[in-house]
Amino acid sequence: MDLTIQQLRIVLAVAREGSFTAAGERMRLAQSSLSRTVAEVERRVGVVLFERTTRRVLLTPAGQEFAQVAERVVAEFDRGIGHFTGFLAGTRGLVRIAALPSLAATLLPAIVSRFRRDHPDVRVQIEDGLLGQVLDRVRGGHVDLAVTVPTGPQDGLGFRQIAVDRFYCVFPPGHRFAAEPDPLPWSELGDEPFIAFDPASSVRAFTDRALREAEVRLGPVTEARNIAAVAGLAAAGLGVSAVPGLVLPLIEFAHLERRRLVRPEPTRPIGVLFDPRRPRAPVVKHFLKLLEEGPAEESPHFVGAEWTHAR
């Protein structure tokens, strides 16, 4: 049985009005056209839907059952078309984002808040993970965008830089580094016990490079993958660590002190990765635009970080 949405609408209009003439006026169609359509529907379903009298057109018992089904089908169709129209207009849909944990917690909230004000009916999904996991989500088409820190060429993926982040040494109160104000040369970390991020972390490549450039020989090194674990180990006096500015808000629980690291002064590029071969929905384009523009005002989370896109 193959019926169109328009045919269902005509049957429902006749049922509501109880008249072909009134239904035709409501739908701006000729009465003869409605009569032919209803007759065709009845032929296809194999039952009489309306009892026709000189005064009224009434639904038969089979017609009442059919009308209930038609109501549900038309309502669902209208909801779907409404959603699709909103999708094309950029007012409905879904934005899927993968991000490094520190960026998901500090950089993204201000952008999502700004996006939500303009797009209240758009759903936003954020998945946080380590660098390799984030890249896999983009390559597999599981997310639309990734907010991350590239540590090398990403074959086949596009990248737009949106911000830079600088590094700080963190240490417990009472450490000798607390006696001097900013900045702190990397060379001062020589022979210090050090809490290093796991090699899977995006932070590790930058700290290793800076330590090599400063020709630093560290003391005993302890590795940890989780940001909170690095902070907890440092707070326990097991070593100092080097973290990007956007990580600082996530380790406040450990009550560590900090000093800006210089000579060298590595900057961590932060940007958006995407697969240029995949078309982007209007809502995704809007979200990417906000990421490039940055938040409407500076956030206290952006210690040592700044947007690079021209405002």
Foldseek 3Di string as FASTA:
>chain_A
DDDDLVLLLLLLLCQVVQDLVVSCVVVVHDSVVSVVSQVVVCVVVVHRQWDDDPPGTHGDPVNVVVNVVSVVVNVVVVVVVVQVVCLQVLQEEEAEEEEAPLCVPFFCPLLVVVLCVVRVHYYYHYHHDFPVVRLCCQVVVVGAKYKYFDPDDDPQKDKDFWKKWWKKKWAAPPDPVVVDADDAELQVQAQWEEEAEDPSHPVRSVVVVSCVQSVGHHHHYHYDHDLQVRLQCRLVVRGMYMDILSSVVVNVVSVIDIHGYPPPIDMTTIIMMHRVVDDDTSNNVVSNVSSNVGGPDDDPSQVRMDTPRDD
